[in-house]
Amino acid sequence: MLPQYTTATVALAKGIKRFAVFAPDSGYGKAVSTAFADAVEHGGGTIVRRVSYPRDARSFAKPAKALGDGWDAVFVPDSADTLALAAPAIAAAGDVPKPLPFPKKVLGG
C-alpha cells in the first residue's frame, strides 16, 4: 500500500499524468526514481522519459536536452543545491514543466 500523500499522488490528483524523471546515477537516485515511478503508474500516470546524470555533476545542459518533450512535470530526486543547478538547464533546453494549479487566492493567509 502506498502512502496517502506522496509527490506522485499529489501531482496526479492535480491532473498531472505524464512525468519525466531526471535523476542522479546513484543508488539513491535509482531507488527513489523507482518508488516514484511505481506510485505514478499505480495512480494511473505514465513515466514518459527517464534521464540520469553523474551523481557528482555540476553541469546539466547535455542531460537536460535528453529530456525532450511530451511530459507535464519532471521529478528530480536530488538535493536542493543540485536542483538549483539543474532547473535552469532544464528551462534553457526549452523544457518547462507546467505549474500545479493552485488556488488564485489564499484564504486566511
PDB file of N, CA and C in Angstrom:
ATOM      1  N   MET A   1       0.845  -1.181   0.000  1.00  0.00           N
ATOM      2  CA  MET A   1       0.000   0.000   0.000  1.00  0.00           C
ATOM      3  C   MET A   1       0.886   1.238   0.000  1.00  0.00           C
ATOM      4  N   LEU A   2       0.549   2.183  -0.852  1.00  0.00           N
ATOM      5  CA  LEU A   2       1.321   3.410  -0.956  1.00  0.00           C
ATOM      6  C   LEU A   2       0.843   4.430   0.068  1.00  0.00           C
ATOM      7  N   PRO A   3       1.747   5.301   0.536  1.00  0.00           N
ATOM      8  CA  PRO A   3       1.323   6.368   1.441  1.00  0.00           C
ATOM      9  C   PRO A   3       0.263   7.236   0.768  1.00  0.00           C
ATOM     10  N   GLN A   4      -0.624   7.800   1.565  1.00  0.00           N
ATOM     11  CA  GLN A   4      -1.714   8.589   1.011  1.00  0.00           C
ATOM     12  C   GLN A   4      -1.204   9.841   0.297  1.00  0.00           C
ATOM     13  N   TYR A   5      -0.217  10.509   0.851  1.00  0.00           N
ATOM     14  CA  TYR A   5       0.277  11.742   0.262  1.00  0.00           C
ATOM     15  C   TYR A   5       1.749  11.602  -0.110  1.00  0.00           C
ATOM     16  N   THR A   6       2.001  11.420  -1.366  1.00  0.00           N
ATOM     17  CA  THR A   6       3.360  11.406  -1.878  1.00  0.00           C
ATOM     18  C   THR A   6       3.421  12.436  -2.989  1.00  0.00           C
ATOM     19  N   THR A   7       4.602  12.756  -3.439  1.00  0.00           N
ATOM     20  CA  THR A   7       4.756  13.690  -4.554  1.00  0.00           C
ATOM     21  C   THR A   7       3.929  13.231  -5.744  1.00  0.00           C
ATOM     22  N   ALA A   8       3.966  11.940  -6.026  1.00  0.00           N
ATOM     23  CA  ALA A   8       3.225  11.400  -7.169  1.00  0.00           C
ATOM     24  C   ALA A   8       1.722  11.525  -6.972  1.00  0.00           C
ATOM     25  N   THR A   9       1.217  11.149  -5.818  1.00  0.00           N
ATOM     26  CA  THR A   9      -0.230  11.184  -5.617  1.00  0.00           C
ATOM     27  C   THR A   9      -0.775  12.605  -5.628  1.00  0.00           C
ATOM     28  N   VAL A  10      -0.027  13.544  -5.085  1.00  0.00           N
ATOM     29  CA  VAL A  10      -0.466  14.940  -5.106  1.00  0.00           C
ATOM     30  C   VAL A  10      -0.497  15.463  -6.538  1.00  0.00           C
ATOM     31  N   ALA A  11       0.541  15.195  -7.317  1.00  0.00           N
ATOM     32  CA  ALA A  11       0.576  15.644  -8.711  1.00  0.00           C
ATOM     33  C   ALA A  11      -0.536  14.992  -9.527  1.00  0.00           C
ATOM     34  N   LEU A  12      -0.739  13.706  -9.348  1.00  0.00           N
ATOM     35  CA  LEU A  12      -1.810  13.006 -10.065  1.00  0.00           C
ATOM     36  C   LEU A  12      -3.176  13.584  -9.707  1.00  0.00           C
ATOM     37  N   ALA A  13      -3.374  13.904  -8.443  1.00  0.00           N
ATOM     38  CA  ALA A  13      -4.647  14.491  -8.013  1.00  0.00           C
ATOM     39  C   ALA A  13      -4.879  15.864  -8.636  1.00  0.00           C
ATOM     40  N   LYS A  14      -3.799  16.554  -8.975  1.00  0.00           N
ATOM     41  CA  LYS A  14      -3.899  17.870  -9.619  1.00  0.00           C
ATOM     42  C   LYS A  14      -4.043  17.768 -11.130  1.00  0.00           C
ATOM     43  N   GLY A  15      -4.087  16.551 -11.655  1.00  0.00           N
ATOM     44  CA  GLY A  15      -4.299  16.360 -13.084  1.00  0.00           C
ATOM     45  C   GLY A  15      -3.041  16.147 -13.908  1.00  0.00           C
ATOM     46  N   ILE A  16      -1.890  16.087 -13.267  1.00  0.00           N
ATOM     47  CA  ILE A  16      -0.647  15.826 -13.981  1.00  0.00           C
ATOM     48  C   ILE A  16      -0.565  14.316 -14.215  1.00  0.00           C
ATOM     49  N   LYS A  17      -0.404  13.909 -15.460  1.00  0.00           N
ATOM     50  CA  LYS A  17      -0.411  12.478 -15.774  1.00  0.00           C
ATOM     51  C   LYS A  17       0.870  11.979 -16.436  1.00  0.00           C
ATOM     52  N   ARG A  18       1.623  12.856 -17.103  1.00  0.00           N
ATOM     53  CA  ARG A  18       2.834  12.437 -17.820  1.00  0.00           C
ATOM     54  C   ARG A  18       4.054  13.064 -17.151  1.00  0.00           C
ATOM     55  N   PHE A  19       4.990  12.209 -16.748  1.00  0.00           N
ATOM     56  CA  PHE A  19       6.145  12.648 -15.977  1.00  0.00           C
ATOM     57  C   PHE A  19       7.457  12.277 -16.652  1.00  0.00           C
ATOM     58  N   ALA A  20       8.459  13.096 -16.411  1.00  0.00           N
ATOM     59  CA  ALA A  20       9.840  12.765 -16.732  1.00  0.00           C
ATOM     60  C   ALA A  20      10.569  12.596 -15.404  1.00  0.00           C
ATOM     61  N   VAL A  21      11.563  11.730 -15.393  1.00  0.00           N
ATOM     62  CA  VAL A  21      12.403  11.547 -14.214  1.00  0.00           C
ATOM     63  C   VAL A  21      13.819  11.950 -14.602  1.00  0.00           C
ATOM     64  N   PHE A  22      14.400  12.873 -13.850  1.00  0.00           N
ATOM     65  CA  PHE A  22      15.745  13.400 -14.081  1.00  0.00           C
ATOM     66  C   PHE A  22      16.518  13.138 -12.795  1.00  0.00           C
ATOM     67  N   ALA A  23      17.295  12.052 -12.763  1.00  0.00           N
ATOM     68  CA  ALA A  23      17.845  11.569 -11.502  1.00  0.00           C
ATOM     69  C   ALA A  23      19.341  11.296 -11.570  1.00  0.00           C
ATOM     70  N   PRO A  24      20.021  11.401 -10.424  1.00  0.00           N
ATOM     71  CA  PRO A  24      21.438  11.054 -10.390  1.00  0.00           C
ATOM     72  C   PRO A  24      21.645   9.555 -10.585  1.00  0.00           C
ATOM     73  N   ASP A  25      22.752   9.209 -11.196  1.00  0.00           N
ATOM     74  CA  ASP A  25      23.111   7.810 -11.391  1.00  0.00           C
ATOM     75  C   ASP A  25      23.787   7.328 -10.100  1.00  0.00           C
ATOM     76  N   SER A  26      22.939   7.043  -9.127  1.00  0.00           N
ATOM     77  CA  SER A  26      23.419   6.584  -7.813  1.00  0.00           C
ATOM     78  C   SER A  26      22.378   5.626  -7.253  1.00  0.00           C
ATOM     79  N   GLY A  27      22.727   4.937  -6.205  1.00  0.00           N
ATOM     80  CA  GLY A  27      21.782   4.041  -5.559  1.00  0.00           C
ATOM     81  C   GLY A  27      20.542   4.782  -5.095  1.00  0.00           C
ATOM     82  N   TYR A  28      20.758   5.944  -4.481  1.00  0.00           N
ATOM     83  CA  TYR A  28      19.635   6.752  -4.009  1.00  0.00           C
ATOM     84  C   TYR A  28      18.756   7.192  -5.177  1.00  0.00           C
ATOM     85  N   GLY A  29      19.368   7.714  -6.230  1.00  0.00           N
ATOM     86  CA  GLY A  29      18.618   8.183  -7.387  1.00  0.00           C
ATOM     87  C   GLY A  29      17.788   7.080  -8.008  1.00  0.00           C
ATOM     88  N   LYS A  30      18.382   5.903  -8.123  1.00  0.00           N
ATOM     89  CA  LYS A  30      17.656   4.767  -8.719  1.00  0.00           C
ATOM     90  C   LYS A  30      16.511   4.305  -7.819  1.00  0.00           C
ATOM     91  N   ALA A  31      16.758   4.211  -6.520  1.00  0.00           N
ATOM     92  CA  ALA A  31      15.733   3.727  -5.597  1.00  0.00           C
ATOM     93  C   ALA A  31      14.548   4.687  -5.518  1.00  0.00           C
ATOM     94  N   VAL A  32      14.829   5.962  -5.382  1.00  0.00           N
ATOM     95  CA  VAL A  32      13.745   6.940  -5.252  1.00  0.00           C
ATOM     96  C   VAL A  32      12.996   7.081  -6.573  1.00  0.00           C
ATOM     97  N   SER A  33      13.710   7.043  -7.689  1.00  0.00           N
ATOM     98  CA  SER A  33      13.062   7.111  -9.000  1.00  0.00           C
ATOM     99  C   SER A  33      12.133   5.925  -9.223  1.00  0.00           C
ATOM    100  N   THR A  34      12.564   4.757  -8.814  1.00  0.00           N
ATOM    101  CA  THR A  34      11.740   3.567  -8.955  1.00  0.00           C
ATOM    102  C   THR A  34      10.488   3.663  -8.093  1.00  0.00           C
ATOM    103  N   ALA A  35      10.643   4.129  -6.860  1.00  0.00           N
ATOM    104  CA  ALA A  35       9.481   4.288  -5.973  1.00  0.00           C
ATOM    105  C   ALA A  35       8.509   5.314  -6.545  1.00  0.00           C
ATOM    106  N   PHE A  36       9.039   6.417  -7.081  1.00  0.00           N
ATOM    107  CA  PHE A  36       8.189   7.436  -7.687  1.00  0.00           C
ATOM    108  C   PHE A  36       7.452   6.866  -8.899  1.00  0.00           C
ATOM    109  N   ALA A  37       8.173   6.171  -9.768  1.00  0.00           N
ATOM    110  CA  ALA A  37       7.565   5.580 -10.965  1.00  0.00           C
ATOM    111  C   ALA A  37       6.479   4.582 -10.592  1.00  0.00           C
ATOM    112  N   ASP A  38       6.717   3.782  -9.568  1.00  0.00           N
ATOM    113  CA  ASP A  38       5.705   2.827  -9.114  1.00  0.00           C
ATOM    114  C   ASP A  38       4.440   3.552  -8.644  1.00  0.00           C
ATOM    115  N   ALA A  39       4.624   4.638  -7.892  1.00  0.00           N
ATOM    116  CA  ALA A  39       3.473   5.409  -7.403  1.00  0.00           C
ATOM    117  C   ALA A  39       2.721   6.065  -8.558  1.00  0.00           C
ATOM    118  N   VAL A  40       3.458   6.582  -9.536  1.00  0.00           N
ATOM    119  CA  VAL A  40       2.821   7.211 -10.704  1.00  0.00           C
ATOM    120  C   VAL A  40       1.993   6.178 -11.463  1.00  0.00           C
ATOM    121  N   GLU A  41       2.595   5.044 -11.755  1.00  0.00           N
ATOM    122  CA  GLU A  41       1.899   4.008 -12.519  1.00  0.00           C
ATOM    123  C   GLU A  41       0.721   3.436 -11.740  1.00  0.00           C
ATOM    124  N   HIS A  42       0.877   3.290 -10.437  1.00  0.00           N
ATOM    125  CA  HIS A  42      -0.210   2.810  -9.584  1.00  0.00           C
ATOM    126  C   HIS A  42      -1.387   3.785  -9.613  1.00  0.00           C
ATOM    127  N   GLY A  43      -1.085   5.076  -9.734  1.00  0.00           N
ATOM    128  CA  GLY A  43      -2.120   6.107  -9.751  1.00  0.00           C
ATOM    129  C   GLY A  43      -2.678   6.412 -11.127  1.00  0.00           C
ATOM    130  N   GLY A  44      -2.204   5.701 -12.147  1.00  0.00           N
ATOM    131  CA  GLY A  44      -2.741   5.898 -13.491  1.00  0.00           C
ATOM    132  C   GLY A  44      -1.947   6.849 -14.362  1.00  0.00           C
ATOM    133  N   GLY A  45      -0.794   7.274 -13.907  1.00  0.00           N
ATOM    134  CA  GLY A  45       0.055   8.153 -14.702  1.00  0.00           C
ATOM    135  C   GLY A  45       1.098   7.371 -15.483  1.00  0.00           C
ATOM    136  N   THR A  46       1.941   8.088 -16.201  1.00  0.00           N
ATOM    137  CA  THR A  46       2.950   7.469 -17.051  1.00  0.00           C
ATOM    138  C   THR A  46       4.289   8.179 -16.896  1.00  0.00           C
ATOM    139  N   ILE A  47       5.352   7.406 -16.866  1.00  0.00           N
ATOM    140  CA  ILE A  47       6.699   7.959 -16.946  1.00  0.00           C
ATOM    141  C   ILE A  47       7.065   7.915 -18.432  1.00  0.00           C
ATOM    142  N   VAL A  48       7.186   9.081 -19.056  1.00  0.00           N
ATOM    143  CA  VAL A  48       7.446   9.112 -20.496  1.00  0.00           C
ATOM    144  C   VAL A  48       8.930   9.212 -20.822  1.00  0.00           C
ATOM    145  N   ARG A  49       9.751   9.632 -19.849  1.00  0.00           N
ATOM    146  CA  ARG A  49      11.179   9.756 -20.104  1.00  0.00           C
ATOM    147  C   ARG A  49      11.934   9.627 -18.795  1.00  0.00           C
ATOM    148  N   ARG A  50      13.068   8.913 -18.862  1.00  0.00           N
ATOM    149  CA  ARG A  50      13.983   8.797 -17.725  1.00  0.00           C
ATOM    150  C   ARG A  50      15.367   9.196 -18.211  1.00  0.00           C
ATOM    151  N   VAL A  51      15.956  10.152 -17.536  1.00  0.00           N
ATOM    152  CA  VAL A  51      17.305  10.610 -17.875  1.00  0.00           C
ATOM    153  C   VAL A  51      18.121  10.619 -16.590  1.00  0.00           C
ATOM    154  N   SER A  52      19.315  10.060 -16.660  1.00  0.00           N
ATOM    155  CA  SER A  52      20.192  10.102 -15.493  1.00  0.00           C
ATOM    156  C   SER A  52      21.423  10.947 -15.813  1.00  0.00           C
ATOM    157  N   TYR A  53      22.053  11.412 -14.765  1.00  0.00           N
ATOM    158  CA  TYR A  53      23.272  12.210 -14.879  1.00  0.00           C
ATOM    159  C   TYR A  53      24.244  11.727 -13.810  1.00  0.00           C
ATOM    160  N   PRO A  54      25.551  11.975 -14.001  1.00  0.00           N
ATOM    161  CA  PRO A  54      26.526  11.543 -12.991  1.00  0.00           C
ATOM    162  C   PRO A  54      26.201  12.152 -11.627  1.00  0.00           C
ATOM    163  N   ARG A  55      26.355  11.372 -10.584  1.00  0.00           N
ATOM    164  CA  ARG A  55      25.945  11.847  -9.263  1.00  0.00           C
ATOM    165  C   ARG A  55      26.722  13.052  -8.766  1.00  0.00           C
ATOM    166  N   ASP A  56      27.894  13.298  -9.299  1.00  0.00           N
ATOM    167  CA  ASP A  56      28.666  14.476  -8.889  1.00  0.00           C
ATOM    168  C   ASP A  56      28.608  15.588  -9.940  1.00  0.00           C
ATOM    169  N   ALA A  57      27.620  15.547 -10.827  1.00  0.00           N
ATOM    170  CA  ALA A  57      27.501  16.519 -11.921  1.00  0.00           C
ATOM    171  C   ALA A  57      27.302  17.931 -11.384  1.00  0.00           C
ATOM    172  N   ARG A  58      27.849  18.882 -12.106  1.00  0.00           N
ATOM    173  CA  ARG A  58      27.668  20.302 -11.806  1.00  0.00           C
ATOM    174  C   ARG A  58      27.187  21.061 -13.038  1.00  0.00           C
ATOM    175  N   SER A  59      27.177  20.387 -14.181  1.00  0.00           N
ATOM    176  CA  SER A  59      26.667  20.953 -15.426  1.00  0.00           C
ATOM    177  C   SER A  59      25.591  20.004 -15.944  1.00  0.00           C
ATOM    178  N   PHE A  60      24.436  20.552 -16.285  1.00  0.00           N
ATOM    179  CA  PHE A  60      23.302  19.718 -16.657  1.00  0.00           C
ATOM    180  C   PHE A  60      22.773  20.000 -18.054  1.00  0.00           C
ATOM    181  N   ALA A  61      23.484  20.782 -18.850  1.00  0.00           N
ATOM    182  CA  ALA A  61      22.991  21.147 -20.181  1.00  0.00           C
ATOM    183  C   ALA A  61      22.762  19.927 -21.063  1.00  0.00           C
ATOM    184  N   LYS A  62      23.742  19.034 -21.133  1.00  0.00           N
ATOM    185  CA  LYS A  62      23.613  17.874 -22.017  1.00  0.00           C
ATOM    186  C   LYS A  62      22.513  16.914 -21.562  1.00  0.00           C
ATOM    187  N   PRO A  63      22.489  16.490 -20.295  1.00  0.00           N
ATOM    188  CA  PRO A  63      21.403  15.584 -19.902  1.00  0.00           C
ATOM    189  C   PRO A  63      20.028  16.251 -19.952  1.00  0.00           C
ATOM    190  N   ALA A  64      19.954  17.566 -19.716  1.00  0.00           N
ATOM    191  CA  ALA A  64      18.665  18.264 -19.764  1.00  0.00           C
ATOM    192  C   ALA A  64      18.084  18.234 -21.173  1.00  0.00           C
ATOM    193  N   LYS A  65      18.929  18.320 -22.187  1.00  0.00           N
ATOM    194  CA  LYS A  65      18.445  18.246 -23.572  1.00  0.00           C
ATOM    195  C   LYS A  65      17.819  16.895 -23.871  1.00  0.00           C
ATOM    196  N   ALA A  66      18.292  15.854 -23.194  1.00  0.00           N
ATOM    197  CA  ALA A  66      17.777  14.500 -23.423  1.00  0.00           C
ATOM    198  C   ALA A  66      16.362  14.312 -22.877  1.00  0.00           C
ATOM    199  N   LEU A  67      15.902  15.243 -22.036  1.00  0.00           N
ATOM    200  CA  LEU A  67      14.548  15.122 -21.504  1.00  0.00           C
ATOM    201  C   LEU A  67      13.493  15.248 -22.607  1.00  0.00           C
ATOM    202  N   GLY A  68      13.778  16.054 -23.613  1.00  0.00           N
ATOM    203  CA  GLY A  68      12.828  16.205 -24.712  1.00  0.00           C
ATOM    204  C   GLY A  68      11.504  16.785 -24.253  1.00  0.00           C
ATOM    205  N   ASP A  69      10.443  16.384 -24.942  1.00  0.00           N
ATOM    206  CA  ASP A  69       9.125  16.901 -24.583  1.00  0.00           C
ATOM    207  C   ASP A  69       8.156  15.750 -24.394  1.00  0.00           C
ATOM    208  N   GLY A  70       6.893  16.070 -24.202  1.00  0.00           N
ATOM    209  CA  GLY A  70       5.882  15.040 -24.012  1.00  0.00           C
ATOM    210  C   GLY A  70       5.565  14.758 -22.556  1.00  0.00           C
ATOM    211  N   TRP A  71       6.092  15.530 -21.652  1.00  0.00           N
ATOM    212  CA  TRP A  71       5.803  15.362 -20.234  1.00  0.00           C
ATOM    213  C   TRP A  71       5.244  16.664 -19.669  1.00  0.00           C
ATOM    214  N   ASP A  72       4.535  16.540 -18.553  1.00  0.00           N
ATOM    215  CA  ASP A  72       3.923  17.702 -17.909  1.00  0.00           C
ATOM    216  C   ASP A  72       4.652  18.127 -16.640  1.00  0.00           C
ATOM    217  N   ALA A  73       5.400  17.211 -16.059  1.00  0.00           N
ATOM    218  CA  ALA A  73       6.140  17.506 -14.828  1.00  0.00           C
ATOM    219  C   ALA A  73       7.405  16.665 -14.810  1.00  0.00           C
ATOM    220  N   VAL A  74       8.418  17.192 -14.143  1.00  0.00           N
ATOM    221  CA  VAL A  74       9.680  16.465 -14.026  1.00  0.00           C
ATOM    222  C   VAL A  74       9.981  16.238 -12.549  1.00  0.00           C
ATOM    223  N   PHE A  75      10.396  15.025 -12.229  1.00  0.00           N
ATOM    224  CA  PHE A  75      10.744  14.642 -10.865  1.00  0.00           C
ATOM    225  C   PHE A  75      12.257  14.561 -10.768  1.00  0.00           C
ATOM    226  N   VAL A  76      12.839  15.299  -9.813  1.00  0.00           N
ATOM    227  CA  VAL A  76      14.290  15.331  -9.629  1.00  0.00           C
ATOM    228  C   VAL A  76      14.600  14.940  -8.182  1.00  0.00           C
ATOM    229  N   PRO A  77      14.971  13.683  -7.948  1.00  0.00           N
ATOM    230  CA  PRO A  77      15.270  13.241  -6.588  1.00  0.00           C
ATOM    231  C   PRO A  77      16.720  13.542  -6.202  1.00  0.00           C
ATOM    232  N   ASP A  78      16.977  14.778  -5.891  1.00  0.00           N
ATOM    233  CA  ASP A  78      18.338  15.189  -5.536  1.00  0.00           C
ATOM    234  C   ASP A  78      18.252  16.338  -4.550  1.00  0.00           C
ATOM    235  N   SER A  79      19.399  16.824  -4.108  1.00  0.00           N
ATOM    236  CA  SER A  79      19.449  17.898  -3.117  1.00  0.00           C
ATOM    237  C   SER A  79      18.994  19.225  -3.721  1.00  0.00           C
ATOM    238  N   ALA A  80      18.632  20.154  -2.870  1.00  0.00           N
ATOM    239  CA  ALA A  80      18.217  21.480  -3.326  1.00  0.00           C
ATOM    240  C   ALA A  80      19.351  22.178  -4.068  1.00  0.00           C
ATOM    241  N   ASP A  81      20.582  21.981  -3.622  1.00  0.00           N
ATOM    242  CA  ASP A  81      21.727  22.600  -4.301  1.00  0.00           C
ATOM    243  C   ASP A  81      21.854  22.098  -5.733  1.00  0.00           C
ATOM    244  N   THR A  82      21.671  20.803  -5.924  1.00  0.00           N
ATOM    245  CA  THR A  82      21.750  20.239  -7.268  1.00  0.00           C
ATOM    246  C   THR A  82      20.556  20.677  -8.102  1.00  0.00           C
ATOM    247  N   LEU A  83      19.382  20.694  -7.508  1.00  0.00           N
ATOM    248  CA  LEU A  83      18.195  21.145  -8.226  1.00  0.00           C
ATOM    249  C   LEU A  83      18.345  22.589  -8.678  1.00  0.00           C
ATOM    250  N   ALA A  84      18.992  23.416  -7.867  1.00  0.00           N
ATOM    251  CA  ALA A  84      19.218  24.812  -8.245  1.00  0.00           C
ATOM    252  C   ALA A  84      20.095  24.928  -9.488  1.00  0.00           C
ATOM    253  N   LEU A  85      20.959  23.962  -9.714  1.00  0.00           N
ATOM    254  CA  LEU A  85      21.785  23.947 -10.924  1.00  0.00           C
ATOM    255  C   LEU A  85      21.057  23.298 -12.097  1.00  0.00           C
ATOM    256  N   ALA A  86      20.262  22.271 -11.818  1.00  0.00           N
ATOM    257  CA  ALA A  86      19.592  21.521 -12.877  1.00  0.00           C
ATOM    258  C   ALA A  86      18.394  22.270 -13.456  1.00  0.00           C
ATOM    259  N   ALA A  87      17.627  22.947 -12.630  1.00  0.00           N
ATOM    260  CA  ALA A  87      16.402  23.606 -13.102  1.00  0.00           C
ATOM    261  C   ALA A  87      16.663  24.617 -14.219  1.00  0.00           C
ATOM    262  N   PRO A  88      17.666  25.494 -14.104  1.00  0.00           N
ATOM    263  CA  PRO A  88      17.920  26.418 -15.213  1.00  0.00           C
ATOM    264  C   PRO A  88      18.334  25.705 -16.496  1.00  0.00           C
ATOM    265  N   ALA A  89      19.061  24.604 -16.378  1.00  0.00           N
ATOM    266  CA  ALA A  89      19.463  23.839 -17.562  1.00  0.00           C
ATOM    267  C   ALA A  89      18.246  23.206 -18.230  1.00  0.00           C
ATOM    268  N   ILE A  90      17.313  22.720 -17.430  1.00  0.00           N
ATOM    269  CA  ILE A  90      16.082  22.143 -17.978  1.00  0.00           C
ATOM    270  C   ILE A  90      15.279  23.224 -18.691  1.00  0.00           C
ATOM    271  N   ALA A  91      15.167  24.390 -18.072  1.00  0.00           N
ATOM    272  CA  ALA A  91      14.438  25.500 -18.695  1.00  0.00           C
ATOM    273  C   ALA A  91      15.141  25.985 -19.963  1.00  0.00           C
ATOM    274  N   ALA A  92      16.472  26.077 -19.927  1.00  0.00           N
ATOM    275  CA  ALA A  92      17.230  26.537 -21.096  1.00  0.00           C
ATOM    276  C   ALA A  92      17.099  25.570 -22.271  1.00  0.00           C
ATOM    277  N   ALA A  93      16.863  24.302 -21.973  1.00  0.00           N
ATOM    278  CA  ALA A  93      16.667  23.310 -23.033  1.00  0.00           C
ATOM    279  C   ALA A  93      15.276  23.431 -23.644  1.00  0.00           C
ATOM    280  N   GLY A  94      14.462  24.339 -23.105  1.00  0.00           N
ATOM    281  CA  GLY A  94      13.120  24.559 -23.630  1.00  0.00           C
ATOM    282  C   GLY A  94      12.070  23.684 -22.990  1.00  0.00           C
ATOM    283  N   ASP A  95      12.430  23.012 -21.938  1.00  0.00           N
ATOM    284  CA  ASP A  95      11.509  22.107 -21.262  1.00  0.00           C
ATOM    285  C   ASP A  95      11.077  22.726 -19.943  1.00  0.00           C
ATOM    286  N   VAL A  96       9.901  23.316 -19.951  1.00  0.00           N
ATOM    287  CA  VAL A  96       9.412  23.970 -18.751  1.00  0.00           C
ATOM    288  C   VAL A  96       8.172  23.223 -18.259  1.00  0.00           C
ATOM    289  N   PRO A  97       8.247  22.635 -17.063  1.00  0.00           N
ATOM    290  CA  PRO A  97       7.087  21.919 -16.537  1.00  0.00           C
ATOM    291  C   PRO A  97       5.915  22.868 -16.315  1.00  0.00           C
ATOM    292  N   LYS A  98       4.719  22.326 -16.421  1.00  0.00           N
ATOM    293  CA  LYS A  98       3.526  23.110 -16.133  1.00  0.00           C
ATOM    294  C   LYS A  98       3.422  23.294 -14.625  1.00  0.00           C
ATOM    295  N   PRO A  99       3.039  24.493 -14.169  1.00  0.00           N
ATOM    296  CA  PRO A  99       2.855  24.673 -12.727  1.00  0.00           C
ATOM    297  C   PRO A  99       1.610  23.934 -12.259  1.00  0.00           C
ATOM    298  N   LEU A 100       1.638  23.482 -11.021  1.00  0.00           N
ATOM    299  CA  LEU A 100       0.450  22.850 -10.452  1.00  0.00           C
ATOM    300  C   LEU A 100      -0.629  23.906 -10.292  1.00  0.00           C
ATOM    301  N   PRO A 101      -1.880  23.560 -10.524  1.00  0.00           N
ATOM    302  CA  PRO A 101      -2.962  24.535 -10.388  1.00  0.00           C
ATOM    303  C   PRO A 101      -3.290  24.791  -8.924  1.00  0.00           C
ATOM    304  N   PHE A 102      -2.814  25.894  -8.400  1.00  0.00           N
ATOM    305  CA  PHE A 102      -3.088  26.274  -7.026  1.00  0.00           C
ATOM    306  C   PHE A 102      -4.214  27.305  -7.001  1.00  0.00           C
ATOM    307  N   PRO A 103      -4.903  27.445  -5.881  1.00  0.00           N
ATOM    308  CA  PRO A 103      -5.937  28.459  -5.799  1.00  0.00           C
ATOM    309  C   PRO A 103      -5.360  29.852  -6.065  1.00  0.00           C
ATOM    310  N   LYS A 104      -6.162  30.706  -6.687  1.00  0.00           N
ATOM    311  CA  LYS A 104      -5.682  32.044  -7.009  1.00  0.00           C
ATOM    312  C   LYS A 104      -5.606  32.929  -5.772  1.00  0.00           C
ATOM    313  N   LYS A 105      -6.450  32.663  -4.814  1.00  0.00           N
ATOM    314  CA  LYS A 105      -6.463  33.461  -3.599  1.00  0.00           C
ATOM    315  C   LYS A 105      -6.316  32.545  -2.398  1.00  0.00           C
ATOM    316  N   VAL A 106      -5.391  32.864  -1.525  1.00  0.00           N
ATOM    317  CA  VAL A 106      -5.189  32.091  -0.313  1.00  0.00           C
ATOM    318  C   VAL A 106      -6.133  32.620   0.751  1.00  0.00           C
ATOM    319  N   LEU A 107      -6.920  31.728   1.296  1.00  0.00           N
ATOM    320  CA  LEU A 107      -7.874  32.120   2.338  1.00  0.00           C
ATOM    321  C   LEU A 107      -7.207  32.086   3.697  1.00  0.00           C
ATOM    322  N   GLY A 108      -7.404  33.147   4.456  1.00  0.00           N
ATOM    323  CA  GLY A 108      -6.895  33.186   5.813  1.00  0.00           C
ATOM    324  C   GLY A 108      -5.390  33.277   5.925  1.00  0.00           C
ATOM    325  N   GLY A 109      -4.728  33.676   4.860  1.00  0.00           N
ATOM    326  CA  GLY A 109      -3.267  33.712   4.879  1.00  0.00           C
ATOM    327  C   GLY A 109      -2.691  35.071   4.787  1.00  0.00           C
TER     328      GLY A 109
END
